[in-house]
Amino acid sequence: NKPLFIDRDGVLKYALSEIGHERRNGYAWLGNWPQKLLEKESPQWRET
């Protein structure tokens, strides 16, 4: 479950700072995608 960050050379890195500027800024490596699911939707689903 280690977060992965990868440049165009395909080499796995484990920190955002370890990849080059182009990929670091040109891809969404981190986001809040599950937040609403975890805080609202899945509890409502369980309650239902």
ModelCIF file with pLDDT and N, C-alpha, C, O atoms, coordinates in Angstrom:
data_MODEL
#
_entry.id   MODEL 
#
_entity.id                         1 
_entity.type                       polymer 
_entity.pdbx_number_of_molecules   1 
#
_entity_poly.entity_id                      1 
_entity_poly.type                           'polypeptide(L)' 
_entity_poly.nstd_linkage                   no 
_entity_poly.nstd_monomer                   no 
_entity_poly.pdbx_seq_one_letter_code       NKPLFIDRDGVLKYALSEIGHERRNGYAWLGNWPQKLLEKESPQWRET 
_entity_poly.pdbx_seq_one_letter_code_can   NKPLFIDRDGVLKYALSEIGHERRNGYAWLGNWPQKLLEKESPQWRET 
_entity_poly.pdbx_strand_id                 A 
#
loop_
_entity_poly_seq.entity_id 
_entity_poly_seq.num 
_entity_poly_seq.mon_id 
_entity_poly_seq.hetero 
1 1  ASN n 
1 2  LYS n 
1 3  PRO n 
1 4  LEU n 
1 5  PHE n 
1 6  ILE n 
1 7  ASP n 
1 8  ARG n 
1 9  ASP n 
1 10 GLY n 
1 11 VAL n 
1 12 LEU n 
1 13 LYS n 
1 14 TYR n 
1 15 ALA n 
1 16 LEU n 
1 17 SER n 
1 18 GLU n 
1 19 ILE n 
1 20 GLY n 
1 21 HIS n 
1 22 GLU n 
1 23 ARG n 
1 24 ARG n 
1 25 ASN n 
1 26 GLY n 
1 27 TYR n 
1 28 ALA n 
1 29 TRP n 
1 30 LEU n 
1 31 GLY n 
1 32 ASN n 
1 33 TRP n 
1 34 PRO n 
1 35 GLN n 
1 36 LYS n 
1 37 LEU n 
1 38 LEU n 
1 39 GLU n 
1 40 LYS n 
1 41 GLU n 
1 42 SER n 
1 43 PRO n 
1 44 GLN n 
1 45 TRP n 
1 46 ARG n 
1 47 GLU n 
1 48 THR n 
#
_struct_asym.id          A 
_struct_asym.entity_id   1 
#
loop_
_ma_qa_metric.id 
_ma_qa_metric.mode 
_ma_qa_metric.name 
_ma_qa_metric.software_group_id 
_ma_qa_metric.type 
1 global pLDDT . pLDDT 
2 local  pLDDT . pLDDT 
#
_ma_qa_metric_global.metric_id      1 
_ma_qa_metric_global.metric_value   96.48 
_ma_qa_metric_global.model_id       1 
_ma_qa_metric_global.ordinal_id     1 
#
loop_
_ma_qa_metric_local.label_asym_id 
_ma_qa_metric_local.label_comp_id 
_ma_qa_metric_local.label_seq_id 
_ma_qa_metric_local.metric_id 
_ma_qa_metric_local.metric_value 
_ma_qa_metric_local.model_id 
_ma_qa_metric_local.ordinal_id 
A ASN 1  2 98.00 1 1  
A LYS 2  2 98.00 1 2  
A PRO 3  2 98.00 1 3  
A LEU 4  2 98.00 1 4  
A PHE 5  2 98.00 1 5  
A ILE 6  2 98.00 1 6  
A ASP 7  2 97.00 1 7  
A ARG 8  2 97.00 1 8  
A ASP 9  2 97.00 1 9  
A GLY 10 2 97.00 1 10 
A VAL 11 2 98.00 1 11 
A LEU 12 2 97.00 1 12 
A LYS 13 2 97.00 1 13 
A TYR 14 2 97.00 1 14 
A ALA 15 2 96.00 1 15 
A LEU 16 2 96.00 1 16 
A SER 17 2 94.00 1 17 
A GLU 18 2 97.00 1 18 
A ILE 19 2 97.00 1 19 
A GLY 20 2 96.00 1 20 
A HIS 21 2 95.00 1 21 
A GLU 22 2 96.00 1 22 
A ARG 23 2 96.00 1 23 
A ARG 24 2 96.00 1 24 
A ASN 25 2 95.00 1 25 
A GLY 26 2 94.00 1 26 
A TYR 27 2 95.00 1 27 
A ALA 28 2 94.00 1 28 
A TRP 29 2 96.00 1 29 
A LEU 30 2 96.00 1 30 
A GLY 31 2 95.00 1 31 
A ASN 32 2 96.00 1 32 
A TRP 33 2 97.00 1 33 
A PRO 34 2 98.00 1 34 
A GLN 35 2 97.00 1 35 
A LYS 36 2 98.00 1 36 
A LEU 37 2 98.00 1 37 
A LEU 38 2 98.00 1 38 
A GLU 39 2 97.00 1 39 
A LYS 40 2 98.00 1 40 
A GLU 41 2 98.00 1 41 
A SER 42 2 97.00 1 42 
A PRO 43 2 97.00 1 43 
A GLN 44 2 97.00 1 44 
A TRP 45 2 97.00 1 45 
A ARG 46 2 95.00 1 46 
A GLU 47 2 94.00 1 47 
A THR 48 2 90.00 1 48 
#
loop_
_atom_site.group_PDB 
_atom_site.id 
_atom_site.type_symbol 
_atom_site.label_atom_id 
_atom_site.label_alt_id 
_atom_site.label_comp_id 
_atom_site.label_asym_id 
_atom_site.label_entity_id 
_atom_site.label_seq_id 
_atom_site.pdbx_PDB_ins_code 
_atom_site.Cartn_x 
_atom_site.Cartn_y 
_atom_site.Cartn_z 
_atom_site.occupancy 
_atom_site.B_iso_or_equiv 
_atom_site.pdbx_formal_charge 
_atom_site.auth_seq_id 
_atom_site.auth_comp_id 
_atom_site.auth_asym_id 
_atom_site.auth_atom_id 
_atom_site.pdbx_PDB_model_num 
ATOM 1   N N  . ASN A 1 1  ? 0.808   -1.221 0.000   1.00 98.00 ? 1  ASN A N  1 
ATOM 2   C CA . ASN A 1 1  ? 0.000   0.000  0.000   1.00 98.00 ? 1  ASN A CA 1 
ATOM 3   C C  . ASN A 1 1  ? 0.841   1.271  0.000   1.00 98.00 ? 1  ASN A C  1 
ATOM 4   O O  . ASN A 1 1  ? 0.368   2.328  0.417   1.00 98.00 ? 1  ASN A O  1 
ATOM 5   N N  . LYS A 1 2  ? 2.091   1.174  -0.468  1.00 98.00 ? 2  LYS A N  1 
ATOM 6   C CA . LYS A 1 2  ? 2.903   2.378  -0.598  1.00 98.00 ? 2  LYS A CA 1 
ATOM 7   C C  . LYS A 1 2  ? 2.446   3.179  -1.807  1.00 98.00 ? 2  LYS A C  1 
ATOM 8   O O  . LYS A 1 2  ? 2.258   2.610  -2.882  1.00 98.00 ? 2  LYS A O  1 
ATOM 9   N N  . PRO A 1 3  ? 2.260   4.496  -1.657  1.00 98.00 ? 3  PRO A N  1 
ATOM 10  C CA . PRO A 1 3  ? 1.938   5.322  -2.826  1.00 98.00 ? 3  PRO A CA 1 
ATOM 11  C C  . PRO A 1 3  ? 3.066   5.267  -3.846  1.00 98.00 ? 3  PRO A C  1 
ATOM 12  O O  . PRO A 1 3  ? 4.244   5.259  -3.489  1.00 98.00 ? 3  PRO A O  1 
ATOM 13  N N  . LEU A 1 4  ? 2.690   5.230  -5.122  1.00 98.00 ? 4  LEU A N  1 
ATOM 14  C CA . LEU A 1 4  ? 3.664   5.116  -6.199  1.00 98.00 ? 4  LEU A CA 1 
ATOM 15  C C  . LEU A 1 4  ? 3.660   6.381  -7.058  1.00 98.00 ? 4  LEU A C  1 
ATOM 16  O O  . LEU A 1 4  ? 2.615   6.965  -7.341  1.00 98.00 ? 4  LEU A O  1 
ATOM 17  N N  . PHE A 1 5  ? 4.859   6.778  -7.460  1.00 98.00 ? 5  PHE A N  1 
ATOM 18  C CA . PHE A 1 5  ? 5.038   7.917  -8.348  1.00 98.00 ? 5  PHE A CA 1 
ATOM 19  C C  . PHE A 1 5  ? 6.031   7.483  -9.422  1.00 98.00 ? 5  PHE A C  1 
ATOM 20  O O  . PHE A 1 5  ? 7.073   6.913  -9.098  1.00 98.00 ? 5  PHE A O  1 
ATOM 21  N N  . ILE A 1 6  ? 5.729   7.740  -10.684 1.00 98.00 ? 6  ILE A N  1 
ATOM 22  C CA . ILE A 1 6  ? 6.518   7.159  -11.768 1.00 98.00 ? 6  ILE A CA 1 
ATOM 23  C C  . ILE A 1 6  ? 6.752   8.202  -12.855 1.00 98.00 ? 6  ILE A C  1 
ATOM 24  O O  . ILE A 1 6  ? 5.844   8.941  -13.236 1.00 98.00 ? 6  ILE A O  1 
ATOM 25  N N  . ASP A 1 7  ? 7.965   8.245  -13.335 1.00 97.00 ? 7  ASP A N  1 
ATOM 26  C CA . ASP A 1 7  ? 8.281   9.092  -14.475 1.00 97.00 ? 7  ASP A CA 1 
ATOM 27  C C  . ASP A 1 7  ? 8.044   8.310  -15.757 1.00 97.00 ? 7  ASP A C  1 
ATOM 28  O O  . ASP A 1 7  ? 7.617   7.157  -15.709 1.00 97.00 ? 7  ASP A O  1 
ATOM 29  N N  . ARG A 1 8  ? 8.314   8.921  -16.892 1.00 97.00 ? 8  ARG A N  1 
ATOM 30  C CA . ARG A 1 8  ? 8.090   8.261  -18.178 1.00 97.00 ? 8  ARG A CA 1 
ATOM 31  C C  . ARG A 1 8  ? 9.066   7.115  -18.429 1.00 97.00 ? 8  ARG A C  1 
ATOM 32  O O  . ARG A 1 8  ? 8.909   6.371  -19.397 1.00 97.00 ? 8  ARG A O  1 
ATOM 33  N N  . ASP A 1 9  ? 10.076  6.966  -17.562 1.00 97.00 ? 9  ASP A N  1 
ATOM 34  C CA . ASP A 1 9  ? 10.989  5.827  -17.694 1.00 97.00 ? 9  ASP A CA 1 
ATOM 35  C C  . ASP A 1 9  ? 10.438  4.558  -17.043 1.00 97.00 ? 9  ASP A C  1 
ATOM 36  O O  . ASP A 1 9  ? 11.033  3.489  -17.173 1.00 97.00 ? 9  ASP A O  1 
ATOM 37  N N  . GLY A 1 10 ? 9.314   4.669  -16.349 1.00 97.00 ? 10 GLY A N  1 
ATOM 38  C CA . GLY A 1 10 ? 8.675   3.509  -15.752 1.00 97.00 ? 10 GLY A CA 1 
ATOM 39  C C  . GLY A 1 10 ? 9.268   3.047  -14.436 1.00 97.00 ? 10 GLY A C  1 
ATOM 40  O O  . GLY A 1 10 ? 8.847   2.015  -13.913 1.00 97.00 ? 10 GLY A O  1 
ATOM 41  N N  . VAL A 1 11 ? 10.228  3.769  -13.880 1.00 98.00 ? 11 VAL A N  1 
ATOM 42  C CA . VAL A 1 11 ? 10.866  3.374  -12.632 1.00 98.00 ? 11 VAL A CA 1 
ATOM 43  C C  . VAL A 1 11 ? 9.999   3.827  -11.450 1.00 98.00 ? 11 VAL A C  1 
ATOM 44  O O  . VAL A 1 11 ? 9.657   5.004  -11.335 1.00 98.00 ? 11 VAL A O  1 
ATOM 45  N N  . LEU A 1 12 ? 9.655   2.889  -10.586 1.00 97.00 ? 12 LEU A N  1 
ATOM 46  C CA . LEU A 1 12 ? 8.798   3.209  -9.447  1.00 97.00 ? 12 LEU A CA 1 
ATOM 47  C C  . LEU A 1 12 ? 9.542   4.062  -8.423  1.00 97.00 ? 12 LEU A C  1 
ATOM 48  O O  . LEU A 1 12 ? 10.683  3.772  -8.065  1.00 97.00 ? 12 LEU A O  1 
ATOM 49  N N  . LYS A 1 13 ? 8.885   5.106  -7.966  1.00 97.00 ? 13 LYS A N  1 
ATOM 50  C CA . LYS A 1 13 ? 9.394   5.943  -6.889  1.00 97.00 ? 13 LYS A CA 1 
ATOM 51  C C  . LYS A 1 13 ? 8.325   6.012  -5.804  1.00 97.00 ? 13 LYS A C  1 
ATOM 52  O O  . LYS A 1 13 ? 7.160   5.686  -6.033  1.00 97.00 ? 13 LYS A O  1 
ATOM 53  N N  . TYR A 1 14 ? 8.747   6.442  -4.623  1.00 97.00 ? 14 TYR A N  1 
ATOM 54  C CA . TYR A 1 14 ? 7.822   6.436  -3.487  1.00 97.00 ? 14 TYR A CA 1 
ATOM 55  C C  . TYR A 1 14 ? 7.618   7.816  -2.886  1.00 97.00 ? 14 TYR A C  1 
ATOM 56  O O  . TYR A 1 14 ? 7.091   7.945  -1.781  1.00 97.00 ? 14 TYR A O  1 
ATOM 57  N N  . ALA A 1 15 ? 8.034   8.851  -3.612  1.00 96.00 ? 15 ALA A N  1 
ATOM 58  C CA . ALA A 1 15 ? 7.804   10.223 -3.176  1.00 96.00 ? 15 ALA A CA 1 
ATOM 59  C C  . ALA A 1 15 ? 7.611   11.092 -4.410  1.00 96.00 ? 15 ALA A C  1 
ATOM 60  O O  . ALA A 1 15 ? 8.269   10.885 -5.429  1.00 96.00 ? 15 ALA A O  1 
ATOM 61  N N  . LEU A 1 16 ? 6.710   12.063 -4.319  1.00 96.00 ? 16 LEU A N  1 
ATOM 62  C CA . LEU A 1 16 ? 6.431   12.942 -5.444  1.00 96.00 ? 16 LEU A CA 1 
ATOM 63  C C  . LEU A 1 16 ? 7.682   13.698 -5.883  1.00 96.00 ? 16 LEU A C  1 
ATOM 64  O O  . LEU A 1 16 ? 7.868   13.965 -7.070  1.00 96.00 ? 16 LEU A O  1 
ATOM 65  N N  . SER A 1 17 ? 8.523   14.034 -4.936  1.00 94.00 ? 17 SER A N  1 
ATOM 66  C CA . SER A 1 17 ? 9.726   14.812 -5.237  1.00 94.00 ? 17 SER A CA 1 
ATOM 67  C C  . SER A 1 17 ? 10.762  14.022 -6.033  1.00 94.00 ? 17 SER A C  1 
ATOM 68  O O  . SER A 1 17 ? 11.692  14.609 -6.587  1.00 94.00 ? 17 SER A O  1 
ATOM 69  N N  . GLU A 1 18 ? 10.615  12.700 -6.095  1.00 97.00 ? 18 GLU A N  1 
ATOM 70  C CA . GLU A 1 18 ? 11.615  11.868 -6.755  1.00 97.00 ? 18 GLU A CA 1 
ATOM 71  C C  . GLU A 1 18 ? 11.394  11.732 -8.261  1.00 97.00 ? 18 GLU A C  1 
ATOM 72  O O  . GLU A 1 18 ? 12.238  11.172 -8.960  1.00 97.00 ? 18 GLU A O  1 
ATOM 73  N N  . ILE A 1 19 ? 10.270  12.237 -8.764  1.00 97.00 ? 19 ILE A N  1 
ATOM 74  C CA . ILE A 1 19 ? 10.060  12.184 -10.209 1.00 97.00 ? 19 ILE A CA 1 
ATOM 75  C C  . ILE A 1 19 ? 10.278  13.568 -10.810 1.00 97.00 ? 19 ILE A C  1 
ATOM 76  O O  . ILE A 1 19 ? 10.274  14.571 -10.095 1.00 97.00 ? 19 ILE A O  1 
ATOM 77  N N  . GLY A 1 20 ? 10.467  13.617 -12.124 1.00 96.00 ? 20 GLY A N  1 
ATOM 78  C CA . GLY A 1 20 ? 10.795  14.867 -12.791 1.00 96.00 ? 20 GLY A CA 1 
ATOM 79  C C  . GLY A 1 20 ? 9.644   15.861 -12.812 1.00 96.00 ? 20 GLY A C  1 
ATOM 80  O O  . GLY A 1 20 ? 8.492   15.511 -12.556 1.00 96.00 ? 20 GLY A O  1 
ATOM 81  N N  . HIS A 1 21 ? 9.976   17.089 -13.120 1.00 95.00 ? 21 HIS A N  1 
ATOM 82  C CA . HIS A 1 21 ? 9.013   18.184 -13.096 1.00 95.00 ? 21 HIS A CA 1 
ATOM 83  C C  . HIS A 1 21 ? 7.841   17.934 -14.036 1.00 95.00 ? 21 HIS A C  1 
ATOM 84  O O  . HIS A 1 21 ? 6.698   18.235 -13.691 1.00 95.00 ? 21 HIS A O  1 
ATOM 85  N N  . GLU A 1 22 ? 8.108   17.389 -15.216 1.00 96.00 ? 22 GLU A N  1 
ATOM 86  C CA . GLU A 1 22 ? 7.050   17.219 -16.212 1.00 96.00 ? 22 GLU A CA 1 
ATOM 87  C C  . GLU A 1 22 ? 5.952   16.292 -15.716 1.00 96.00 ? 22 GLU A C  1 
ATOM 88  O O  . GLU A 1 22 ? 4.776   16.645 -15.800 1.00 96.00 ? 22 GLU A O  1 
ATOM 89  N N  . ARG A 1 23 ? 6.298   15.123 -15.203 1.00 96.00 ? 23 ARG A N  1 
ATOM 90  C CA . ARG A 1 23 ? 5.291   14.203 -14.701 1.00 96.00 ? 23 ARG A CA 1 
ATOM 91  C C  . ARG A 1 23 ? 4.755   14.651 -13.344 1.00 96.00 ? 23 ARG A C  1 
ATOM 92  O O  . ARG A 1 23 ? 3.577   14.449 -13.050 1.00 96.00 ? 23 ARG A O  1 
ATOM 93  N N  . ARG A 1 24 ? 5.595   15.249 -12.525 1.00 96.00 ? 24 ARG A N  1 
ATOM 94  C CA . ARG A 1 24 ? 5.152   15.701 -11.208 1.00 96.00 ? 24 ARG A CA 1 
ATOM 95  C C  . ARG A 1 24 ? 4.004   16.701 -11.351 1.00 96.00 ? 24 ARG A C  1 
ATOM 96  O O  . ARG A 1 24 ? 3.073   16.708 -10.546 1.00 96.00 ? 24 ARG A O  1 
ATOM 97  N N  . ASN A 1 25 ? 4.078   17.536 -12.372 1.00 95.00 ? 25 ASN A N  1 
ATOM 98  C CA . ASN A 1 25 ? 3.079   18.580 -12.558 1.00 95.00 ? 25 ASN A CA 1 
ATOM 99  C C  . ASN A 1 25 ? 2.051   18.252 -13.633 1.00 95.00 ? 25 ASN A C  1 
ATOM 100 O O  . ASN A 1 25 ? 1.066   18.974 -13.789 1.00 95.00 ? 25 ASN A O  1 
ATOM 101 N N  . GLY A 1 26 ? 2.269   17.174 -14.373 1.00 94.00 ? 26 GLY A N  1 
ATOM 102 C CA . GLY A 1 26 ? 1.394   16.866 -15.488 1.00 94.00 ? 26 GLY A CA 1 
ATOM 103 C C  . GLY A 1 26 ? 0.486   15.681 -15.272 1.00 94.00 ? 26 GLY A C  1 
ATOM 104 O O  . GLY A 1 26 ? -0.076  15.153 -16.232 1.00 94.00 ? 26 GLY A O  1 
ATOM 105 N N  . TYR A 1 27 ? 0.328   15.249 -14.031 1.00 95.00 ? 27 TYR A N  1 
ATOM 106 C CA . TYR A 1 27 ? -0.511  14.081 -13.748 1.00 95.00 ? 27 TYR A CA 1 
ATOM 107 C C  . TYR A 1 27 ? -1.063  14.219 -12.336 1.00 95.00 ? 27 TYR A C  1 
ATOM 108 O O  . TYR A 1 27 ? -0.415  14.799 -11.464 1.00 95.00 ? 27 TYR A O  1 
ATOM 109 N N  . ALA A 1 28 ? -2.243  13.693 -12.114 1.00 94.00 ? 28 ALA A N  1 
ATOM 110 C CA . ALA A 1 28 ? -2.866  13.789 -10.784 1.00 94.00 ? 28 ALA A CA 1 
ATOM 111 C C  . ALA A 1 28 ? -2.458  12.588 -9.947  1.00 94.00 ? 28 ALA A C  1 
ATOM 112 O O  . ALA A 1 28 ? -3.121  11.551 -9.973  1.00 94.00 ? 28 ALA A O  1 
ATOM 113 N N  . TRP A 1 29 ? -1.379  12.728 -9.214  1.00 96.00 ? 29 TRP A N  1 
ATOM 114 C CA . TRP A 1 29 ? -0.872  11.636 -8.382  1.00 96.00 ? 29 TRP A CA 1 
ATOM 115 C C  . TRP A 1 29 ? -1.617  11.519 -7.065  1.00 96.00 ? 29 TRP A C  1 
ATOM 116 O O  . TRP A 1 29 ? -1.628  10.455 -6.445  1.00 96.00 ? 29 TRP A O  1 
ATOM 117 N N  . LEU A 1 30 ? -2.234  12.598 -6.639  1.00 96.00 ? 30 LEU A N  1 
ATOM 118 C CA . LEU A 1 30 ? -2.906  12.645 -5.340  1.00 96.00 ? 30 LEU A CA 1 
ATOM 119 C C  . LEU A 1 30 ? -4.234  13.364 -5.499  1.00 96.00 ? 30 LEU A C  1 
ATOM 120 O O  . LEU A 1 30 ? -4.343  14.311 -6.278  1.00 96.00 ? 30 LEU A O  1 
ATOM 121 N N  . GLY A 1 31 ? -5.240  12.917 -4.764  1.00 95.00 ? 31 GLY A N  1 
ATOM 122 C CA . GLY A 1 31 ? -6.536  13.563 -4.848  1.00 95.00 ? 31 GLY A CA 1 
ATOM 123 C C  . GLY A 1 31 ? -7.427  13.170 -3.689  1.00 95.00 ? 31 GLY A C  1 
ATOM 124 O O  . GLY A 1 31 ? -7.085  12.297 -2.891  1.00 95.00 ? 31 GLY A O  1 
ATOM 125 N N  . ASN A 1 32 ? -8.580  13.828 -3.604  1.00 96.00 ? 32 ASN A N  1 
ATOM 126 C CA . ASN A 1 32 ? -9.528  13.535 -2.523  1.00 96.00 ? 32 ASN A CA 1 
ATOM 127 C C  . ASN A 1 32 ? -10.696 12.690 -3.026  1.00 96.00 ? 32 ASN A C  1 
ATOM 128 O O  . ASN A 1 32 ? -11.803 12.787 -2.497  1.00 96.00 ? 32 ASN A O  1 
ATOM 129 N N  . TRP A 1 33 ? -10.456 11.863 -4.042  1.00 97.00 ? 33 TRP A N  1 
ATOM 130 C CA . TRP A 1 33 ? -11.508 11.107 -4.727  1.00 97.00 ? 33 TRP A CA 1 
ATOM 131 C C  . TRP A 1 33 ? -12.428 10.320 -3.791  1.00 97.00 ? 33 TRP A C  1 
ATOM 132 O O  . TRP A 1 33 ? -13.641 10.361 -3.995  1.00 97.00 ? 33 TRP A O  1 
ATOM 133 N N  . PRO A 1 34 ? -11.929 9.610  -2.781  1.00 98.00 ? 34 PRO A N  1 
ATOM 134 C CA . PRO A 1 34 ? -12.832 8.787  -1.956  1.00 98.00 ? 34 PRO A CA 1 
ATOM 135 C C  . PRO A 1 34 ? -13.524 9.532  -0.814  1.00 98.00 ? 34 PRO A C  1 
ATOM 136 O O  . PRO A 1 34 ? -14.324 8.932  -0.097  1.00 98.00 ? 34 PRO A O  1 
ATOM 137 N N  . GLN A 1 35 ? -13.243 10.806 -0.630  1.00 97.00 ? 35 GLN A N  1 
ATOM 138 C CA . GLN A 1 35 ? -13.664 11.480 0.590   1.00 97.00 ? 35 GLN A CA 1 
ATOM 139 C C  . GLN A 1 35 ? -15.178 11.442 0.786   1.00 97.00 ? 35 GLN A C  1 
ATOM 140 O O  . GLN A 1 35 ? -15.649 11.067 1.860   1.00 97.00 ? 35 GLN A O  1 
ATOM 141 N N  . LYS A 1 36 ? -15.941 11.820 -0.225  1.00 98.00 ? 36 LYS A N  1 
ATOM 142 C CA . LYS A 1 36 ? -17.397 11.812 -0.094  1.00 98.00 ? 36 LYS A CA 1 
ATOM 143 C C  . LYS A 1 36 ? -17.931 10.392 0.066   1.00 98.00 ? 36 LYS A C  1 
ATOM 144 O O  . LYS A 1 36 ? -18.882 10.160 0.811   1.00 98.00 ? 36 LYS A O  1 
ATOM 145 N N  . LEU A 1 37 ? -17.321 9.455  -0.630  1.00 98.00 ? 37 LEU A N  1 
ATOM 146 C CA . LEU A 1 37 ? -17.730 8.057  -0.504  1.00 98.00 ? 37 LEU A CA 1 
ATOM 147 C C  . LEU A 1 37 ? -17.608 7.572  0.928   1.00 98.00 ? 37 LEU A C  1 
ATOM 148 O O  . LEU A 1 37 ? -18.512 6.921  1.453   1.00 98.00 ? 37 LEU A O  1 
ATOM 149 N N  . LEU A 1 38 ? -16.474 7.897  1.563   1.00 98.00 ? 38 LEU A N  1 
ATOM 150 C CA . LEU A 1 38 ? -16.219 7.405  2.913   1.00 98.00 ? 38 LEU A CA 1 
ATOM 151 C C  . LEU A 1 38 ? -17.007 8.174  3.968   1.00 98.00 ? 38 LEU A C  1 
ATOM 152 O O  . LEU A 1 38 ? -17.483 7.587  4.939   1.00 98.00 ? 38 LEU A O  1 
ATOM 153 N N  . GLU A 1 39 ? -17.143 9.472  3.780   1.00 97.00 ? 39 GLU A N  1 
ATOM 154 C CA . GLU A 1 39 ? -17.784 10.291 4.817   1.00 97.00 ? 39 GLU A CA 1 
ATOM 155 C C  . GLU A 1 39 ? -19.311 10.226 4.758   1.00 97.00 ? 39 GLU A C  1 
ATOM 156 O O  . GLU A 1 39 ? -19.963 10.317 5.798   1.00 97.00 ? 39 GLU A O  1 
ATOM 157 N N  . LYS A 1 40 ? -19.892 10.073 3.577   1.00 98.00 ? 40 LYS A N  1 
ATOM 158 C CA . LYS A 1 40 ? -21.350 10.154 3.454   1.00 98.00 ? 40 LYS A CA 1 
ATOM 159 C C  . LYS A 1 40 ? -21.975 8.923  2.802   1.00 98.00 ? 40 LYS A C  1 
ATOM 160 O O  . LYS A 1 40 ? -22.915 8.336  3.338   1.00 98.00 ? 40 LYS A O  1 
ATOM 161 N N  . GLU A 1 41 ? -21.449 8.541  1.646   1.00 98.00 ? 41 GLU A N  1 
ATOM 162 C CA . GLU A 1 41 ? -22.157 7.558  0.825   1.00 98.00 ? 41 GLU A CA 1 
ATOM 163 C C  . GLU A 1 41 ? -22.133 6.151  1.394   1.00 98.00 ? 41 GLU A C  1 
ATOM 164 O O  . GLU A 1 41 ? -23.165 5.481  1.444   1.00 98.00 ? 41 GLU A O  1 
ATOM 165 N N  . SER A 1 42 ? -20.961 5.698  1.825   1.00 97.00 ? 42 SER A N  1 
ATOM 166 C CA . SER A 1 42 ? -20.917 4.336  2.355   1.00 97.00 ? 42 SER A CA 1 
ATOM 167 C C  . SER A 1 42 ? -21.649 4.217  3.697   1.00 97.00 ? 42 SER A C  1 
ATOM 168 O O  . SER A 1 42 ? -22.298 3.196  3.926   1.00 97.00 ? 42 SER A O  1 
ATOM 169 N N  . PRO A 1 43 ? -21.579 5.206  4.595   1.00 97.00 ? 43 PRO A N  1 
ATOM 170 C CA . PRO A 1 43 ? -22.405 5.101  5.808   1.00 97.00 ? 43 PRO A CA 1 
ATOM 171 C C  . PRO A 1 43 ? -23.907 5.073  5.492   1.00 97.00 ? 43 PRO A C  1 
ATOM 172 O O  . PRO A 1 43 ? -24.657 4.331  6.126   1.00 97.00 ? 43 PRO A O  1 
ATOM 173 N N  . GLN A 1 44 ? -24.347 5.875  4.519   1.00 97.00 ? 44 GLN A N  1 
ATOM 174 C CA . GLN A 1 44 ? -25.751 5.861  4.132   1.00 97.00 ? 44 GLN A CA 1 
ATOM 175 C C  . GLN A 1 44 ? -26.139 4.508  3.539   1.00 97.00 ? 44 GLN A C  1 
ATOM 176 O O  . GLN A 1 44 ? -27.224 3.993  3.809   1.00 97.00 ? 44 GLN A O  1 
ATOM 177 N N  . TRP A 1 45 ? -25.255 3.943  2.739   1.00 97.00 ? 45 TRP A N  1 
ATOM 178 C CA . TRP A 1 45 ? -25.521 2.633  2.144   1.00 97.00 ? 45 TRP A CA 1 
ATOM 179 C C  . TRP A 1 45 ? -25.657 1.569  3.233   1.00 97.00 ? 45 TRP A C  1 
ATOM 180 O O  . TRP A 1 45 ? -26.561 0.736  3.171   1.00 97.00 ? 45 TRP A O  1 
ATOM 181 N N  . ARG A 1 46 ? -24.770 1.587  4.227   1.00 95.00 ? 46 ARG A N  1 
ATOM 182 C CA . ARG A 1 46 ? -24.854 0.628  5.319   1.00 95.00 ? 46 ARG A CA 1 
ATOM 183 C C  . ARG A 1 46 ? -26.144 0.813  6.111   1.00 95.00 ? 46 ARG A C  1 
ATOM 184 O O  . ARG A 1 46 ? -26.791 -0.161 6.496   1.00 95.00 ? 46 ARG A O  1 
ATOM 185 N N  . GLU A 1 47 ? -26.507 2.053  6.348   1.00 94.00 ? 47 GLU A N  1 
ATOM 186 C CA . GLU A 1 47 ? -27.731 2.308  7.118   1.00 94.00 ? 47 GLU A CA 1 
ATOM 187 C C  . GLU A 1 47 ? -28.959 1.816  6.359   1.00 94.00 ? 47 GLU A C  1 
ATOM 188 O O  . GLU A 1 47 ? -29.875 1.251  6.957   1.00 94.00 ? 47 GLU A O  1 
ATOM 189 N N  . THR A 1 48 ? -28.981 2.025  5.065   1.00 90.00 ? 48 THR A N  1 
ATOM 190 C CA . THR A 1 48 ? -30.103 1.567  4.248   1.00 90.00 ? 48 THR A CA 1 
ATOM 191 C C  . THR A 1 48 ? -30.199 0.045  4.269   1.00 90.00 ? 48 THR A C  1 
ATOM 192 O O  . THR A 1 48 ? -31.086 -0.527 3.635   1.00 90.00 ? 48 THR A O  1 
#
